Structures are given as structure tokens and as C-alpha cells.
Amino acid sequence: MRPYKGVSSRLITEACPLCFSVQTAFFHQDEQREFLRCRQCALVFVPSRSHLSKAEEKSYYELHQNSPFDSGYRNFLERLSRPLLLQLKQASWGLDFGSGPGPTLSLMLEEAGHKVELYDPFYASNQNVFARQYDFITCSEVVEHLQAPGRELRRLWTLLKPGGVLAIMTKRVIDQTAFSRWHYKNDPTHIVFFSEHTFNWLGELWQVKPTYCGADVVFFNKCS
């Protein structure tokens, strides 16, 4: 894939946390943080010097009020669960990576007859989940929080069985102008931002074609 060219010519020394290229450049600056973009995979990311500490990050998550009893939250998660359920075989086994303080997506999938393991670095830090393989892995509003998305996504891909699916929900970067007005970038725990170009780069890496389901859901189906 040719390097992405729609970025500033000013090069930054911090490597991309997804593809590890050092060809990164200034993308945007607001009152709180600077944002860089990778010339190779087009990931937009916050330099590590502006990341929250783990304690600060968890304190921010504690402000969230997500609950499995919240019908609005369930409706939101259906943007991922509905297309996923259409392709899962009966009684599939999955992993909800980044399940959060109030796991809800996993319950919705279990209600449909599937088995779901949970992992979250703050709320369900069970390393045993990485010792087996899965029919599906979900990452709902998770990847934008990852300090090391390259390492984590590669690990998740290896945990998928042949024929399995990695289902990701995250809002996508459109362009520099839209990014400057984007509320999504203002969350201090959001430190990496994906675009279709970035997901297509991942698809080439894994030799699969991503499937886009609406504006914020993408599936990667592992070849059998």
C-alpha cells in the first residue's frame, strides 16, 4: 500500500503505535493535546506524553453510567450485535475485549445463545482468556483507548479461529476539517483514531477485506 499523503510535511519522531512507522506528521492541535497522523496506515494518534496515567484513566471511566438495564445503551450496541448475530453459528464462543464496568454487549450475545468471555484491564483482568481461541471477538468503543493498538489487535487476530470474526465499533476519522470539529477527539481517554484507510491497511496486513456496517462498525472475517 502506498503511504497516505494527506498530512503535513512536518515529520514527528514518535512512531505510529499501530504500524510502527516513524513517518508520522502533525495533524491537529487543540487546547489540550496535539494529534499526529501516520503516513503509512493513516492512524491519527495522541503522542504518549499526553496520555493519562492509569489512575486518571480509570477515574474517567468511573464517570460512565453504562448499564445492561439501559435500553438506550442496548439500542446503541445493536449497531454491532445485529449484523454480528446474522453471521454467527449457533452456540458460538466469543471474547468481549474491553468489556468495561457494566458488561452489556456480552449479555446481549449470551441472550442469543452464545458463550462470551470477558476481558478488561481494569474490571476483568483475567489473562486466562488469552490461552484459547474464539469464534468471534468484539471490541465495542475500545480500540480508541489502546496505547498499543498494533500489539493488541495482532494478539486478538491470533486468538480467532479460522472462519472467526473480529467485530470493532469505533467512530472513524473522515478528514482534517471534520476532525477539528469532532467531539470524539475531546475525550481524554481517546488516544487513537481509525479511518477507513487505516482499517483497509489492517485488512491488507491480515489478507482479508474489511466489511463496513454503517458509520462506526467494521468486521474482519478470518479466512477458513
Protein backbone atom coordinates (compact mmCIF):
# COMPACT_ATOMS: atom_id res chain seq x y z
CA MET A 1 0.00 0.00 0.00
CA ARG A 2 1.29 3.48 -0.84
CA PRO A 3 1.85 5.82 2.13
CA TYR A 4 -1.03 8.17 2.92
CA LYS A 5 -0.21 11.64 1.55
CA GLY A 6 -2.83 13.93 3.05
CA VAL A 7 -0.73 15.10 6.00
CA SER A 8 1.57 17.94 6.90
CA SER A 9 5.17 17.76 5.71
CA ARG A 10 6.46 18.32 9.27
CA LEU A 11 7.77 14.98 10.47
CA ILE A 12 7.46 13.90 14.10
CA THR A 13 9.84 11.44 15.71
CA GLU A 14 7.24 9.38 17.64
CA ALA A 15 6.47 6.13 15.86
CA CYS A 16 2.95 5.08 14.94
CA PRO A 17 1.52 2.77 17.65
CA LEU A 18 -0.29 0.68 15.03
CA CYS A 19 2.15 0.01 12.18
CA PHE A 20 5.32 1.29 13.95
CA SER A 21 6.31 3.56 11.06
CA VAL A 22 8.38 6.60 12.09
CA GLN A 23 6.90 8.58 9.18
CA THR A 24 4.35 10.49 11.26
CA ALA A 25 3.35 14.13 10.95
CA PHE A 26 1.38 16.87 12.67
CA PHE A 27 -2.38 16.60 12.06
CA HIS A 28 -4.23 18.81 14.56
CA GLN A 29 -3.74 20.85 17.72
CA ASP A 30 -6.36 21.92 20.24
CA GLU A 31 -6.12 23.50 23.69
CA GLN A 32 -5.41 20.17 25.38
CA ARG A 33 -3.44 17.94 23.01
CA GLU A 34 -1.56 17.54 19.77
CA PHE A 35 -2.60 14.87 17.26
CA LEU A 36 -0.30 13.16 14.77
CA ARG A 37 -1.10 11.05 11.72
CA CYS A 38 0.86 8.19 10.26
CA ARG A 39 1.86 8.44 6.61
CA GLN A 40 1.75 4.66 6.21
CA CYS A 41 -1.53 3.50 7.83
CA ALA A 42 -3.23 6.90 8.40
CA LEU A 43 -3.86 6.26 12.10
CA VAL A 44 -4.38 9.53 13.98
CA PHE A 45 -2.95 9.37 17.48
CA VAL A 46 -2.08 11.38 20.58
CA PRO A 47 1.64 11.39 21.48
CA SER A 48 2.44 9.31 24.55
CA ARG A 49 3.50 12.38 26.54
CA SER A 50 -0.19 13.44 26.60
CA HIS A 51 -1.64 10.12 27.76
CA LEU A 52 -3.43 9.95 31.09
CA SER A 53 -1.97 7.87 33.89
CA LYS A 54 -3.74 4.56 34.54
CA ALA A 55 -5.30 6.01 37.70
CA GLU A 56 -6.59 9.05 35.81
CA GLU A 57 -7.90 6.85 33.03
CA LYS A 58 -9.84 4.61 35.40
CA SER A 59 -11.25 7.63 37.26
CA TYR A 60 -12.64 8.90 33.97
CA TYR A 61 -14.26 5.53 33.21
CA GLU A 62 -15.92 5.59 36.61
CA LEU A 63 -17.95 8.57 35.37
CA HIS A 64 -19.63 6.40 32.73
CA GLN A 65 -23.14 5.20 33.50
CA ASN A 66 -23.45 2.30 31.04
CA SER A 67 -25.81 -0.40 32.25
CA PRO A 68 -27.34 -3.58 30.78
CA PHE A 69 -30.69 -2.26 32.03
CA ASP A 70 -30.41 0.91 29.92
CA SER A 71 -32.50 0.41 26.76
CA GLY A 72 -30.78 3.31 25.03
CA TYR A 73 -27.38 1.75 25.58
CA ARG A 74 -28.65 -1.59 24.30
CA ASN A 75 -30.01 0.12 21.18
CA PHE A 76 -26.59 1.69 20.63
CA LEU A 77 -24.83 -1.68 20.93
CA GLU A 78 -27.26 -3.26 18.48
CA ARG A 79 -25.36 -1.46 15.73
CA LEU A 80 -22.69 -4.12 16.32
CA SER A 81 -24.71 -7.03 17.71
CA ARG A 82 -27.36 -7.22 14.96
CA PRO A 83 -25.00 -7.72 11.99
CA LEU A 84 -22.77 -9.95 14.11
CA LEU A 85 -25.61 -12.26 15.14
CA LEU A 86 -26.60 -12.68 11.50
CA GLN A 87 -23.32 -14.46 10.76
CA LEU A 88 -22.60 -16.38 13.96
CA LYS A 89 -23.21 -20.11 14.08
CA GLN A 90 -25.35 -21.47 16.87
CA ALA A 91 -23.68 -21.57 20.31
CA SER A 92 -20.52 -19.75 19.20
CA TRP A 93 -17.84 -18.90 21.73
CA GLY A 94 -16.54 -15.34 21.88
CA LEU A 95 -14.46 -12.80 23.77
CA ASP A 96 -15.66 -9.30 24.64
CA PHE A 97 -12.36 -7.41 24.76
CA GLY A 98 -12.68 -4.23 26.83
CA SER A 99 -15.95 -5.18 28.48
CA GLY A 100 -15.95 -2.21 30.87
CA PRO A 101 -17.53 -1.78 34.31
CA GLY A 102 -21.04 -2.74 33.18
CA PRO A 103 -20.78 -5.54 30.58
CA THR A 104 -23.80 -5.33 28.28
CA LEU A 105 -22.84 -6.47 24.79
CA SER A 106 -21.78 -9.84 26.20
CA LEU A 107 -25.16 -10.26 27.88
CA MET A 108 -26.98 -9.43 24.65
CA LEU A 109 -24.96 -12.08 22.80
CA GLU A 110 -25.48 -14.62 25.59
CA GLU A 111 -29.22 -13.96 25.43
CA ALA A 112 -28.97 -15.05 21.78
CA GLY A 113 -27.40 -18.36 22.84
CA HIS A 114 -23.68 -17.67 22.65
CA LYS A 115 -20.92 -18.04 25.23
CA VAL A 116 -18.86 -14.90 25.92
CA GLU A 117 -15.69 -14.50 27.96
CA LEU A 118 -14.82 -11.05 29.35
CA TYR A 119 -11.58 -9.12 29.42
CA ASP A 120 -10.94 -5.59 30.62
CA PRO A 121 -7.64 -4.29 32.03
CA PHE A 122 -9.46 -2.50 34.85
CA TYR A 123 -12.61 -4.54 35.51
CA ALA A 124 -12.00 -8.11 34.30
CA SER A 125 -8.25 -8.61 34.09
CA ASN A 126 -8.25 -12.35 33.56
CA GLN A 127 -5.21 -13.29 31.48
CA ASN A 128 -6.53 -16.83 31.05
CA VAL A 129 -8.82 -15.60 28.26
CA PHE A 130 -5.75 -15.30 26.02
CA ALA A 131 -4.98 -19.01 26.31
CA ARG A 132 -7.71 -20.19 23.91
CA GLN A 133 -9.22 -19.32 20.53
CA TYR A 134 -12.64 -17.89 19.71
CA ASP A 135 -15.33 -17.89 17.05
CA PHE A 136 -15.73 -14.14 17.48
CA ILE A 137 -14.12 -11.24 19.32
CA THR A 138 -15.88 -7.94 19.98
CA CYS A 139 -14.31 -4.55 20.67
CA SER A 140 -17.07 -2.05 21.27
CA GLU A 141 -15.82 1.52 21.81
CA VAL A 142 -12.47 0.08 22.90
CA VAL A 143 -9.80 0.47 20.22
CA GLU A 144 -9.72 4.26 20.55
CA HIS A 145 -8.38 3.78 24.11
CA LEU A 146 -5.46 1.48 23.24
CA GLN A 147 -1.94 2.72 23.92
CA ALA A 148 -0.51 -0.13 21.84
CA PRO A 149 -3.14 -0.89 19.18
CA GLY A 150 -0.65 -2.65 16.91
CA ARG A 151 0.28 -5.19 19.57
CA GLU A 152 -3.25 -5.67 20.92
CA LEU A 153 -5.01 -6.06 17.57
CA ARG A 154 -2.41 -8.51 16.33
CA ARG A 155 -2.88 -10.55 19.50
CA LEU A 156 -6.66 -10.59 19.06
CA TRP A 157 -6.29 -11.68 15.45
CA THR A 158 -4.20 -14.68 16.52
CA LEU A 159 -6.92 -15.66 19.02
CA LEU A 160 -9.54 -16.01 16.27
CA LYS A 161 -10.29 -19.45 14.88
CA PRO A 162 -10.28 -19.82 11.09
CA GLY A 163 -13.66 -18.52 9.95
CA GLY A 164 -13.95 -16.32 13.03
CA VAL A 165 -14.80 -12.62 13.07
CA LEU A 166 -13.26 -9.61 14.79
CA ALA A 167 -16.03 -7.02 15.26
CA ILE A 168 -14.96 -3.45 16.05
CA MET A 169 -17.10 -0.44 16.89
CA THR A 170 -15.40 2.96 16.89
CA LYS A 171 -16.14 6.26 15.21
CA ARG A 172 -13.99 6.92 12.14
CA VAL A 173 -11.85 9.85 11.05
CA ILE A 174 -13.17 11.50 7.88
CA ASP A 175 -10.73 14.32 7.18
CA GLN A 176 -8.74 17.08 8.87
CA THR A 177 -11.54 19.66 8.74
CA ALA A 178 -14.14 17.33 10.26
CA PHE A 179 -11.62 16.21 12.87
CA SER A 180 -11.12 19.79 14.06
CA ARG A 181 -14.83 19.99 14.98
CA TRP A 182 -15.20 16.38 16.18
CA HIS A 183 -16.46 15.84 19.73
CA TYR A 184 -14.98 12.32 19.76
CA LYS A 185 -11.42 13.63 19.96
CA ASN A 186 -12.23 15.63 23.11
CA ASP A 187 -12.49 12.59 25.39
CA PRO A 188 -9.09 12.48 27.15
CA THR A 189 -9.13 8.66 27.15
CA HIS A 190 -9.47 8.57 23.34
CA ILE A 191 -5.90 8.43 22.06
CA VAL A 192 -6.04 6.62 18.70
CA PHE A 193 -8.45 7.26 15.84
CA PHE A 194 -9.08 4.98 12.87
CA SER A 195 -10.29 5.77 9.37
CA GLU A 196 -11.37 3.52 6.51
CA HIS A 197 -7.85 3.90 5.16
CA THR A 198 -6.50 2.54 8.46
CA PHE A 199 -8.88 -0.40 8.53
CA ASN A 200 -8.10 -1.17 4.89
CA TRP A 201 -4.40 -1.19 5.84
CA LEU A 202 -5.19 -3.73 8.58
CA GLY A 203 -7.14 -5.79 6.07
CA GLU A 204 -4.12 -5.91 3.76
CA LEU A 205 -1.92 -6.92 6.68
CA TRP A 206 -4.27 -9.79 7.54
CA GLN A 207 -5.07 -10.55 3.89
CA VAL A 208 -8.82 -10.07 4.34
CA LYS A 209 -11.25 -7.42 3.18
CA PRO A 210 -12.95 -5.42 5.96
CA THR A 211 -16.74 -5.28 5.93
CA TYR A 212 -18.21 -1.92 6.96
CA CYS A 213 -21.57 -1.94 8.75
CA GLY A 214 -22.71 1.67 8.95
CA ALA A 215 -20.60 4.59 10.09
CA ASP A 216 -18.85 3.05 13.08
CA VAL A 217 -18.76 -0.76 12.82
CA VAL A 218 -16.28 -2.87 10.87
CA PHE A 219 -15.85 -6.67 10.70
CA PHE A 220 -12.74 -8.64 9.82
CA ASN A 221 -13.56 -12.24 8.88
CA LYS A 222 -10.62 -14.60 9.19
CA CYS A 223 -10.21 -16.94 6.26
CA SER A 224 -11.06 -20.57 6.90
